[in-house]
Each structure stands twice: as C-alpha cells, then as structure tokens.
Amino acid sequence: MSQLHDKNILVTGALGGIGSAICLAYARQGAAIIVHDRVARSEEAVGALTDQLKVAGAREVCYQQADLASQQAIHEMFTRLREEGRDVDILVNNAAIQKTASIEAFPDDLWESIIAINLVAVYHCTKQALVDMRRKGWGRIINLASVHGLVASVGKSAYVSAKHGVVGFTREVALETAREDITVNAICPGWTDTPIIAPQIEARQRALGSSREEAVRDLVSEKQPDGRLIPPAHVAELALFLGGESARHITGTAMPIDGGWTCV
C-alpha cells in the first residue's frame, strides 16, 4: 500500500496542464484528490478528469471551485473541506495566469490580478492549510514557482515579480516550519507544454509563418538549451517525490526543471 493512500491533496488550478498531471500522479498512489479550479468548468470537463483520476486509483475525488483573487472565497473553500472531513495534508499551489506586455502597455488591473492569483493566493492557501498540517503534525506544501521565480524575461514584469515572491515566500515558510514534519518547496519549470504558453507559441508561429513545431523550437531554444518542451508529467513526478517521506529533509528549496535554462 502506498504511503500516500491516506493523504488528502489539494491542487489549485487542477483542470489543465501541470495541475491535472500532478493530480494523476497522486491518484496512482491512492491519495484522495481535491481538484480545484478558479472558474466554474463544464460538468463534462470536471467529470472527465474525475473519471480519469478514479480509474488511476484515487481513493476519492472531489471538486472545489473558488476565486483565488478573493481571500473570502479561499477561506470558505478550506472551511467546507474541514466540515467534510477533508483536511489538507498536501497543498500544491499551482494555479497561475500570465500576460506578456511591456510595462507601459501592461493593463494595471491585469498586473494586479496576476500578483493576486500567482502570489497573494499562495499566501492565503498556505495559511489555511497550515492549520490542518500543524494539528496533524505532518504536511507538504509544493509551490509551482516557474523558472521565472529565479530569472527574468522581458515583457513579464507581473509574472516574474509574482514568481520571485513565491520563491521567497517558500523559503520563509520553510524556516517557520523547519522543526515540524512539514516541508515547503518550490518547483521552477521552464518551457512546459501547457495552455498558459499557447499564446506565445501562436505569436511566434505568426511571426515566422511557420508550423507549430518550428515555432516551439525557435521559442524554446532562446532560453532552454535542450530545445524541448517539458512534459507536464515530468513536473508531476517531482511534485510526487516532494510529497513523500523520502523528501522529508528537503525544505526551502527552489528546484529548476528547465532543460538547462538557469545554467546560462
């Protein structure tokens, strides 16, 4: 029996890309999966992922919708989970939004929304989850920080600011919980094959007048020496490791999985 079979894992932004891959990785270990999304999805989309996770071996699957830009909505989500007996053992702060534009052209409200969802929500979710983790004396917090939590790229002022904040927050909370069996780590993926980068691929494809494959190669190779998009499943395997007992002495780290990006 898996060491994670009795754990409840909450993955924010779970209905796509890295989030759904992480849910699937934990489902295969028999964990109970709490699937979160910021916006209400169709019953078909939620049902399809739920069925996939159950087939993979999840002990239980439940769906939660909450606006991560709202502190009240986050608080209400965690309150519901506690009332239902679903205290969070493993929290994966994965939800994120992105926009590429110069500072002068960046819409102010969108800049603030990126900070709210990509950084402030990480604080509120972590604060809520720590209540359960400290009561149980065990917990894992895994923050998806992006390679842009370690380096910067032109046109991503809000995203880079938020993700650098996530890395700093990860380290601080790791220090606060270092004497407890609670670990806090950040994963910093490079170019990963997810919907969040689709607009950049499409823009490059239009600029080059090329195929998607050629656009991906051209875009990714600018920063990522291996020149390949990272499969979400590879990021999920790292998240799975960090949630287990073998990683109990790993805390406060920001782990790149970036094809060599941060070596340059």
C-alpha atoms as a PDB file:
ATOM      1  CA  MET A   1       0.000   0.000   0.000  1.00  0.00           C
ATOM      2  CA  SER A   2       1.307   3.453  -0.895  1.00  0.00           C
ATOM      3  CA  GLN A   3       2.497   5.786   1.853  1.00  0.00           C
ATOM      4  CA  LEU A   4       0.151   8.395   0.365  1.00  0.00           C
ATOM      5  CA  HIS A   5      -3.050   6.325   0.387  1.00  0.00           C
ATOM      6  CA  ASP A   6      -4.410   8.105   3.478  1.00  0.00           C
ATOM      7  CA  LYS A   7      -3.443  11.631   2.372  1.00  0.00           C
ATOM      8  CA  ASN A   8      -5.660  14.388   1.016  1.00  0.00           C
ATOM      9  CA  ILE A   9      -4.029  16.528  -1.660  1.00  0.00           C
ATOM     10  CA  LEU A  10      -5.404  19.856  -2.839  1.00  0.00           C
ATOM     11  CA  VAL A  11      -4.165  21.019  -6.231  1.00  0.00           C
ATOM     12  CA  THR A  12      -5.142  24.545  -7.250  1.00  0.00           C
ATOM     13  CA  GLY A  13      -5.682  25.173 -10.944  1.00  0.00           C
ATOM     14  CA  ALA A  14      -6.043  21.439 -11.420  1.00  0.00           C
ATOM     15  CA  LEU A  15      -8.015  21.234 -14.652  1.00  0.00           C
ATOM     16  CA  GLY A  16      -5.208  21.581 -17.129  1.00  0.00           C
ATOM     17  CA  GLY A  17      -1.531  21.209 -17.852  1.00  0.00           C
ATOM     18  CA  ILE A  18       0.688  20.663 -14.842  1.00  0.00           C
ATOM     19  CA  GLY A  19      -2.220  20.633 -12.385  1.00  0.00           C
ATOM     20  CA  SER A  20      -4.025  17.677 -13.922  1.00  0.00           C
ATOM     21  CA  ALA A  21      -0.719  15.811 -14.336  1.00  0.00           C
ATOM     22  CA  ILE A  22       0.005  16.234 -10.617  1.00  0.00           C
ATOM     23  CA  CYS A  23      -3.487  15.028  -9.734  1.00  0.00           C
ATOM     24  CA  LEU A  24      -2.946  11.945 -11.880  1.00  0.00           C
ATOM     25  CA  ALA A  25       0.449  11.185 -10.316  1.00  0.00           C
ATOM     26  CA  TYR A  26      -1.024  11.266  -6.810  1.00  0.00           C
ATOM     27  CA  ALA A  27      -4.133   9.347  -7.879  1.00  0.00           C
ATOM     28  CA  ARG A  28      -1.898   6.466  -8.924  1.00  0.00           C
ATOM     29  CA  GLN A  29      -0.662   6.348  -5.315  1.00  0.00           C
ATOM     30  CA  GLY A  30      -4.191   6.064  -3.954  1.00  0.00           C
ATOM     31  CA  ALA A  31      -4.422   9.555  -2.465  1.00  0.00           C
ATOM     32  CA  ALA A  32      -7.683  11.480  -2.175  1.00  0.00           C
ATOM     33  CA  ILE A  33      -7.607  14.271  -4.745  1.00  0.00           C
ATOM     34  CA  ILE A  34      -9.217  17.670  -4.219  1.00  0.00           C
ATOM     35  CA  VAL A  35      -9.483  19.183  -7.673  1.00  0.00           C
ATOM     36  CA  HIS A  36      -9.674  22.979  -7.600  1.00  0.00           C
ATOM     37  CA  ASP A  37     -10.257  25.485 -10.345  1.00  0.00           C
ATOM     38  CA  ARG A  38     -10.627  29.260 -10.271  1.00  0.00           C
ATOM     39  CA  VAL A  39     -13.605  29.383 -12.596  1.00  0.00           C
ATOM     40  CA  ALA A  40     -16.607  27.111 -12.941  1.00  0.00           C
ATOM     41  CA  ARG A  41     -15.984  24.481 -15.593  1.00  0.00           C
ATOM     42  CA  SER A  42     -18.453  22.410 -17.548  1.00  0.00           C
ATOM     43  CA  GLU A  43     -19.705  19.243 -15.919  1.00  0.00           C
ATOM     44  CA  GLU A  44     -18.154  17.335 -18.818  1.00  0.00           C
ATOM     45  CA  ALA A  45     -14.659  18.703 -18.142  1.00  0.00           C
ATOM     46  CA  VAL A  46     -14.865  18.075 -14.404  1.00  0.00           C
ATOM     47  CA  GLY A  47     -16.403  14.652 -14.927  1.00  0.00           C
ATOM     48  CA  ALA A  48     -13.745  13.603 -17.429  1.00  0.00           C
ATOM     49  CA  LEU A  49     -10.897  14.413 -15.037  1.00  0.00           C
ATOM     50  CA  THR A  50     -12.737  12.858 -12.097  1.00  0.00           C
ATOM     51  CA  ASP A  51     -13.243   9.616 -14.015  1.00  0.00           C
ATOM     52  CA  GLN A  52      -9.605   9.578 -15.106  1.00  0.00           C
ATOM     53  CA  LEU A  53      -8.394  10.014 -11.524  1.00  0.00           C
ATOM     54  CA  LYS A  54     -10.691   7.303 -10.180  1.00  0.00           C
ATOM     55  CA  VAL A  55      -9.544   4.857 -12.839  1.00  0.00           C
ATOM     56  CA  ALA A  56      -5.931   5.696 -11.951  1.00  0.00           C
ATOM     57  CA  GLY A  57      -6.577   4.688  -8.343  1.00  0.00           C
ATOM     58  CA  ALA A  58      -7.588   7.787  -6.395  1.00  0.00           C
ATOM     59  CA  ARG A  59      -9.187   6.918  -3.065  1.00  0.00           C
ATOM     60  CA  GLU A  60     -11.636   9.766  -3.573  1.00  0.00           C
ATOM     61  CA  VAL A  61     -12.053  12.764  -5.874  1.00  0.00           C
ATOM     62  CA  CYS A  62     -13.889  15.972  -5.066  1.00  0.00           C
ATOM     63  CA  TYR A  63     -14.150  19.239  -6.965  1.00  0.00           C
ATOM     64  CA  GLN A  64     -13.864  22.722  -5.492  1.00  0.00           C
ATOM     65  CA  GLN A  65     -14.366  25.998  -7.337  1.00  0.00           C
ATOM     66  CA  ALA A  66     -13.030  29.144  -5.684  1.00  0.00           C
ATOM     67  CA  ASP A  67     -11.869  32.528  -6.931  1.00  0.00           C
ATOM     68  CA  LEU A  68      -8.258  32.742  -5.790  1.00  0.00           C
ATOM     69  CA  ALA A  69      -8.345  36.518  -6.088  1.00  0.00           C
ATOM     70  CA  SER A  70     -10.758  36.503  -3.133  1.00  0.00           C
ATOM     71  CA  GLN A  71      -9.499  35.864   0.397  1.00  0.00           C
ATOM     72  CA  GLN A  72     -13.060  35.106   1.477  1.00  0.00           C
ATOM     73  CA  ALA A  73     -13.533  32.509  -1.268  1.00  0.00           C
ATOM     74  CA  ILE A  74     -10.304  30.767  -0.239  1.00  0.00           C
ATOM     75  CA  HIS A  75     -11.337  30.773   3.426  1.00  0.00           C
ATOM     76  CA  GLU A  76     -14.755  29.366   2.546  1.00  0.00           C
ATOM     77  CA  MET A  77     -13.196  26.584   0.455  1.00  0.00           C
ATOM     78  CA  PHE A  78     -10.977  25.414   3.314  1.00  0.00           C
ATOM     79  CA  THR A  79     -13.889  25.679   5.758  1.00  0.00           C
ATOM     80  CA  ARG A  80     -16.002  23.444   3.502  1.00  0.00           C
ATOM     81  CA  LEU A  81     -13.201  20.917   3.243  1.00  0.00           C
ATOM     82  CA  ARG A  82     -12.796  20.744   7.024  1.00  0.00           C
ATOM     83  CA  GLU A  83     -16.531  20.350   7.538  1.00  0.00           C
ATOM     84  CA  GLU A  84     -16.488  17.472   5.044  1.00  0.00           C
ATOM     85  CA  GLY A  85     -13.568  15.780   6.828  1.00  0.00           C
ATOM     86  CA  ARG A  86     -11.124  16.578   4.039  1.00  0.00           C
ATOM     87  CA  ASP A  87      -8.326  18.327   5.920  1.00  0.00           C
ATOM     88  CA  VAL A  88      -5.472  19.115   3.537  1.00  0.00           C
ATOM     89  CA  ASP A  89      -2.289  17.062   4.021  1.00  0.00           C
ATOM     90  CA  ILE A  90      -0.541  18.109   0.811  1.00  0.00           C
ATOM     91  CA  LEU A  91      -1.097  21.504  -0.783  1.00  0.00           C
ATOM     92  CA  VAL A  92       0.037  22.178  -4.332  1.00  0.00           C
ATOM     93  CA  ASN A  93      -0.206  25.872  -5.186  1.00  0.00           C
ATOM     94  CA  ASN A  94      -0.301  25.508  -8.945  1.00  0.00           C
ATOM     95  CA  ALA A  95      -2.869  27.993 -10.279  1.00  0.00           C
ATOM     96  CA  ALA A  96      -1.410  30.846 -12.314  1.00  0.00           C
ATOM     97  CA  ILE A  97      -2.205  33.342 -15.036  1.00  0.00           C
ATOM     98  CA  GLN A  98       0.166  35.183 -17.337  1.00  0.00           C
ATOM     99  CA  LYS A  99       0.320  38.147 -19.696  1.00  0.00           C
ATOM    100  CA  THR A 100       3.201  39.327 -21.856  1.00  0.00           C
ATOM    101  CA  ALA A 101       3.497  43.075 -22.442  1.00  0.00           C
ATOM    102  CA  SER A 102       5.857  45.980 -21.826  1.00  0.00           C
ATOM    103  CA  ILE A 103       5.380  47.887 -18.578  1.00  0.00           C
ATOM    104  CA  GLU A 104       3.897  50.845 -20.440  1.00  0.00           C
ATOM    105  CA  ALA A 105       1.397  48.642 -22.248  1.00  0.00           C
ATOM    106  CA  PHE A 106       0.502  46.423 -19.293  1.00  0.00           C
ATOM    107  CA  PRO A 107      -3.123  46.868 -18.145  1.00  0.00           C
ATOM    108  CA  ASP A 108      -2.970  47.897 -14.486  1.00  0.00           C
ATOM    109  CA  ASP A 109      -5.877  45.728 -13.403  1.00  0.00           C
ATOM    110  CA  LEU A 110      -4.380  42.651 -15.067  1.00  0.00           C
ATOM    111  CA  TRP A 111      -0.961  43.309 -13.473  1.00  0.00           C
ATOM    112  CA  GLU A 112      -2.634  43.353 -10.067  1.00  0.00           C
ATOM    113  CA  SER A 113      -4.680  40.242 -10.883  1.00  0.00           C
ATOM    114  CA  ILE A 114      -1.521  38.310 -11.746  1.00  0.00           C
ATOM    115  CA  ILE A 115       0.023  39.277  -8.404  1.00  0.00           C
ATOM    116  CA  ALA A 116      -3.213  38.369  -6.600  1.00  0.00           C
ATOM    117  CA  ILE A 117      -3.610  34.917  -8.151  1.00  0.00           C
ATOM    118  CA  ASN A 118       0.040  33.933  -8.579  1.00  0.00           C
ATOM    119  CA  LEU A 119       1.355  35.218  -5.229  1.00  0.00           C
ATOM    120  CA  VAL A 120      -1.221  36.511  -2.745  1.00  0.00           C
ATOM    121  CA  ALA A 121      -3.399  33.402  -3.147  1.00  0.00           C
ATOM    122  CA  VAL A 122      -0.367  31.234  -2.366  1.00  0.00           C
ATOM    123  CA  TYR A 123      -0.115  33.022   0.980  1.00  0.00           C
ATOM    124  CA  HIS A 124      -3.813  32.619   1.792  1.00  0.00           C
ATOM    125  CA  CYS A 125      -3.945  28.933   0.778  1.00  0.00           C
ATOM    126  CA  THR A 126      -0.774  28.168   2.713  1.00  0.00           C
ATOM    127  CA  LYS A 127      -2.057  29.970   5.800  1.00  0.00           C
ATOM    128  CA  GLN A 128      -5.255  27.935   5.720  1.00  0.00           C
ATOM    129  CA  ALA A 129      -3.541  24.602   5.041  1.00  0.00           C
ATOM    130  CA  LEU A 130      -1.038  25.082   7.858  1.00  0.00           C
ATOM    131  CA  VAL A 131      -3.904  24.989  10.365  1.00  0.00           C
ATOM    132  CA  ASP A 132      -4.602  21.374   9.383  1.00  0.00           C
ATOM    133  CA  MET A 133      -0.965  20.400   8.956  1.00  0.00           C
ATOM    134  CA  ARG A 134       0.150  21.707  12.336  1.00  0.00           C
ATOM    135  CA  ARG A 135      -2.743  19.987  14.078  1.00  0.00           C
ATOM    136  CA  LYS A 136      -1.761  16.670  12.461  1.00  0.00           C
ATOM    137  CA  GLY A 137       1.981  17.219  12.820  1.00  0.00           C
ATOM    138  CA  TRP A 138       2.583  16.482   9.136  1.00  0.00           C
ATOM    139  CA  GLY A 139       2.288  18.319   5.871  1.00  0.00           C
ATOM    140  CA  ARG A 140       3.737  19.080   2.470  1.00  0.00           C
ATOM    141  CA  ILE A 141       3.457  22.379   0.611  1.00  0.00           C
ATOM    142  CA  ILE A 142       4.590  22.441  -3.006  1.00  0.00           C
ATOM    143  CA  ASN A 143       4.567  25.745  -4.863  1.00  0.00           C
ATOM    144  CA  LEU A 144       4.770  25.913  -8.655  1.00  0.00           C
ATOM    145  CA  ALA A 145       7.051  28.917  -8.968  1.00  0.00           C
ATOM    146  CA  SER A 146       8.342  28.710 -12.548  1.00  0.00           C
ATOM    147  CA  VAL A 147      11.856  29.348 -13.764  1.00  0.00           C
ATOM    148  CA  HIS A 148      10.715  32.981 -13.661  1.00  0.00           C
ATOM    149  CA  GLY A 149      10.985  32.744  -9.900  1.00  0.00           C
ATOM    150  CA  LEU A 150      14.748  32.524 -10.458  1.00  0.00           C
ATOM    151  CA  VAL A 151      15.399  34.620 -13.570  1.00  0.00           C
ATOM    152  CA  ALA A 152      13.606  37.325 -15.538  1.00  0.00           C
ATOM    153  CA  SER A 153      12.340  37.690 -19.099  1.00  0.00           C
ATOM    154  CA  VAL A 154      11.344  40.830 -20.963  1.00  0.00           C
ATOM    155  CA  GLY A 155       7.613  41.564 -21.044  1.00  0.00           C
ATOM    156  CA  LYS A 156       6.730  39.504 -17.971  1.00  0.00           C
ATOM    157  CA  SER A 157       7.028  42.067 -15.180  1.00  0.00           C
ATOM    158  CA  ALA A 158       3.965  40.878 -13.258  1.00  0.00           C
ATOM    159  CA  TYR A 159       4.659  37.166 -13.681  1.00  0.00           C
ATOM    160  CA  VAL A 160       8.341  37.498 -12.767  1.00  0.00           C
ATOM    161  CA  SER A 161       7.513  39.643  -9.735  1.00  0.00           C
ATOM    162  CA  ALA A 162       4.914  37.166  -8.514  1.00  0.00           C
ATOM    163  CA  LYS A 163       7.052  34.080  -9.038  1.00  0.00           C
ATOM    164  CA  HIS A 164      10.115  35.623  -7.373  1.00  0.00           C
ATOM    165  CA  GLY A 165       7.769  36.359  -4.487  1.00  0.00           C
ATOM    166  CA  VAL A 166       6.662  32.725  -4.380  1.00  0.00           C
ATOM    167  CA  VAL A 167      10.276  31.554  -4.096  1.00  0.00           C
ATOM    168  CA  GLY A 168      10.952  33.987  -1.249  1.00  0.00           C
ATOM    169  CA  PHE A 169       7.723  33.003   0.480  1.00  0.00           C
ATOM    170  CA  THR A 170       8.603  29.317   0.129  1.00  0.00           C
ATOM    171  CA  ARG A 171      11.918  29.828   1.888  1.00  0.00           C
ATOM    172  CA  GLU A 172      10.410  31.870   4.715  1.00  0.00           C
ATOM    173  CA  VAL A 173       7.615  29.391   5.460  1.00  0.00           C
ATOM    174  CA  ALA A 174      10.145  26.544   5.330  1.00  0.00           C
ATOM    175  CA  LEU A 175      12.052  28.261   8.132  1.00  0.00           C
ATOM    176  CA  GLU A 176       8.878  28.709  10.184  1.00  0.00           C
ATOM    177  CA  THR A 177       8.018  25.004   9.891  1.00  0.00           C
ATOM    178  CA  ALA A 178      11.538  23.544   9.975  1.00  0.00           C
ATOM    179  CA  ARG A 179      11.081  21.948  13.416  1.00  0.00           C
ATOM    180  CA  GLU A 180       7.873  20.240  12.363  1.00  0.00           C
ATOM    181  CA  ASP A 181       7.291  17.409   9.909  1.00  0.00           C
ATOM    182  CA  ILE A 182       6.127  19.986   7.366  1.00  0.00           C
ATOM    183  CA  THR A 183       8.158  20.747   4.268  1.00  0.00           C
ATOM    184  CA  VAL A 184       7.773  23.659   1.885  1.00  0.00           C
ATOM    185  CA  ASN A 185       9.375  23.611  -1.552  1.00  0.00           C
ATOM    186  CA  ALA A 186       9.058  25.318  -4.907  1.00  0.00           C
ATOM    187  CA  ILE A 187       9.303  23.732  -8.341  1.00  0.00           C
ATOM    188  CA  CYS A 188      10.587  26.005 -11.093  1.00  0.00           C
ATOM    189  CA  PRO A 189       9.694  24.619 -14.536  1.00  0.00           C
ATOM    190  CA  GLY A 190      10.996  26.109 -17.739  1.00  0.00           C
ATOM    191  CA  TRP A 191       9.077  25.934 -21.013  1.00  0.00           C
ATOM    192  CA  THR A 192       6.421  23.311 -20.308  1.00  0.00           C
ATOM    193  CA  ASP A 193       3.802  22.047 -22.744  1.00  0.00           C
ATOM    194  CA  THR A 194       0.781  23.708 -21.117  1.00  0.00           C
ATOM    195  CA  PRO A 195      -2.050  26.022 -22.215  1.00  0.00           C
ATOM    196  CA  ILE A 196      -0.501  29.030 -20.449  1.00  0.00           C
ATOM    197  CA  ILE A 197       2.234  29.318 -23.094  1.00  0.00           C
ATOM    198  CA  ALA A 198      -0.045  28.718 -26.095  1.00  0.00           C
ATOM    199  CA  PRO A 199      -0.413  32.446 -26.886  1.00  0.00           C
ATOM    200  CA  GLN A 200       3.369  32.845 -27.066  1.00  0.00           C
ATOM    201  CA  ILE A 201       3.716  29.857 -29.372  1.00  0.00           C
ATOM    202  CA  GLU A 202       0.938  31.163 -31.607  1.00  0.00           C
ATOM    203  CA  ALA A 203       2.529  34.625 -31.746  1.00  0.00           C
ATOM    204  CA  ARG A 204       5.887  33.116 -32.722  1.00  0.00           C
ATOM    205  CA  GLN A 205       4.194  30.935 -35.331  1.00  0.00           C
ATOM    206  CA  ARG A 206       2.577  34.001 -36.906  1.00  0.00           C
ATOM    207  CA  ALA A 207       5.832  35.957 -36.822  1.00  0.00           C
ATOM    208  CA  LEU A 208       7.760  33.163 -38.524  1.00  0.00           C
ATOM    209  CA  GLY A 209       4.979  31.984 -40.801  1.00  0.00           C
ATOM    210  CA  SER A 210       5.953  28.505 -39.700  1.00  0.00           C
ATOM    211  CA  SER A 211       4.493  25.297 -38.318  1.00  0.00           C
ATOM    212  CA  ARG A 212       3.808  24.953 -34.600  1.00  0.00           C
ATOM    213  CA  GLU A 213       6.761  22.586 -34.242  1.00  0.00           C
ATOM    214  CA  GLU A 214       9.144  25.101 -35.795  1.00  0.00           C
ATOM    215  CA  ALA A 215       7.717  27.911 -33.661  1.00  0.00           C
ATOM    216  CA  VAL A 216       8.169  25.855 -30.489  1.00  0.00           C
ATOM    217  CA  ARG A 217      11.756  25.029 -31.391  1.00  0.00           C
ATOM    218  CA  ASP A 218      12.573  28.660 -32.138  1.00  0.00           C
ATOM    219  CA  LEU A 219      10.891  29.981 -28.982  1.00  0.00           C
ATOM    220  CA  VAL A 220      12.169  27.375 -26.545  1.00  0.00           C
ATOM    221  CA  SER A 221      15.757  27.394 -27.824  1.00  0.00           C
ATOM    222  CA  GLU A 222      16.129  31.081 -26.980  1.00  0.00           C
ATOM    223  CA  LYS A 223      16.259  30.248 -23.275  1.00  0.00           C
ATOM    224  CA  GLN A 224      16.223  26.490 -22.786  1.00  0.00           C
ATOM    225  CA  PRO A 225      19.401  24.783 -24.033  1.00  0.00           C
ATOM    226  CA  ASP A 226      17.799  21.386 -24.571  1.00  0.00           C
ATOM    227  CA  GLY A 227      15.339  22.996 -27.011  1.00  0.00           C
ATOM    228  CA  ARG A 228      12.407  20.814 -25.951  1.00  0.00           C
ATOM    229  CA  LEU A 229       9.138  21.495 -24.180  1.00  0.00           C
ATOM    230  CA  ILE A 230       8.952  19.760 -20.814  1.00  0.00           C
ATOM    231  CA  PRO A 231       6.084  17.252 -20.499  1.00  0.00           C
ATOM    232  CA  PRO A 232       3.789  18.124 -17.558  1.00  0.00           C
ATOM    233  CA  ALA A 233       4.131  14.532 -16.344  1.00  0.00           C
ATOM    234  CA  HIS A 234       7.824  15.118 -15.633  1.00  0.00           C
ATOM    235  CA  VAL A 235       6.978  18.071 -13.396  1.00  0.00           C
ATOM    236  CA  ALA A 236       4.317  15.945 -11.720  1.00  0.00           C
ATOM    237  CA  GLU A 237       6.835  13.237 -10.846  1.00  0.00           C
ATOM    238  CA  LEU A 238       8.958  15.796  -8.994  1.00  0.00           C
ATOM    239  CA  ALA A 239       5.866  17.051  -7.162  1.00  0.00           C
ATOM    240  CA  LEU A 240       5.026  13.468  -6.208  1.00  0.00           C
ATOM    241  CA  PHE A 241       8.511  12.906  -4.797  1.00  0.00           C
ATOM    242  CA  LEU A 242       8.352  16.103  -2.742  1.00  0.00           C
ATOM    243  CA  GLY A 243       5.064  14.932  -1.232  1.00  0.00           C
ATOM    244  CA  GLY A 244       6.526  11.687   0.079  1.00  0.00           C
ATOM    245  CA  GLU A 245       8.554  10.579   3.081  1.00  0.00           C
ATOM    246  CA  SER A 246      11.796  10.339   1.118  1.00  0.00           C
ATOM    247  CA  ALA A 247      11.732  14.137   0.802  1.00  0.00           C
ATOM    248  CA  ARG A 248      11.150  14.877   4.498  1.00  0.00           C
ATOM    249  CA  HIS A 249      14.582  16.534   4.833  1.00  0.00           C
ATOM    250  CA  ILE A 250      14.152  18.636   1.697  1.00  0.00           C
ATOM    251  CA  THR A 251      12.634  22.004   2.543  1.00  0.00           C
ATOM    252  CA  GLY A 252      13.058  25.609   1.474  1.00  0.00           C
ATOM    253  CA  THR A 253      14.331  24.706  -1.975  1.00  0.00           C
ATOM    254  CA  ALA A 254      13.511  26.131  -5.398  1.00  0.00           C
ATOM    255  CA  MET A 255      14.112  23.259  -7.808  1.00  0.00           C
ATOM    256  CA  PRO A 256      14.589  24.060 -11.514  1.00  0.00           C
ATOM    257  CA  ILE A 257      13.306  21.610 -14.082  1.00  0.00           C
ATOM    258  CA  ASP A 258      14.251  23.767 -17.022  1.00  0.00           C
ATOM    259  CA  GLY A 259      16.370  21.983 -19.626  1.00  0.00           C
ATOM    260  CA  GLY A 260      19.432  23.949 -18.532  1.00  0.00           C
ATOM    261  CA  TRP A 261      17.833  27.429 -18.661  1.00  0.00           C
ATOM    262  CA  THR A 262      19.306  28.583 -15.345  1.00  0.00           C
ATOM    263  CA  CYS A 263      22.767  27.263 -16.242  1.00  0.00           C
ATOM    264  CA  VAL A 264      23.240  30.050 -18.776  1.00  0.00           C
END
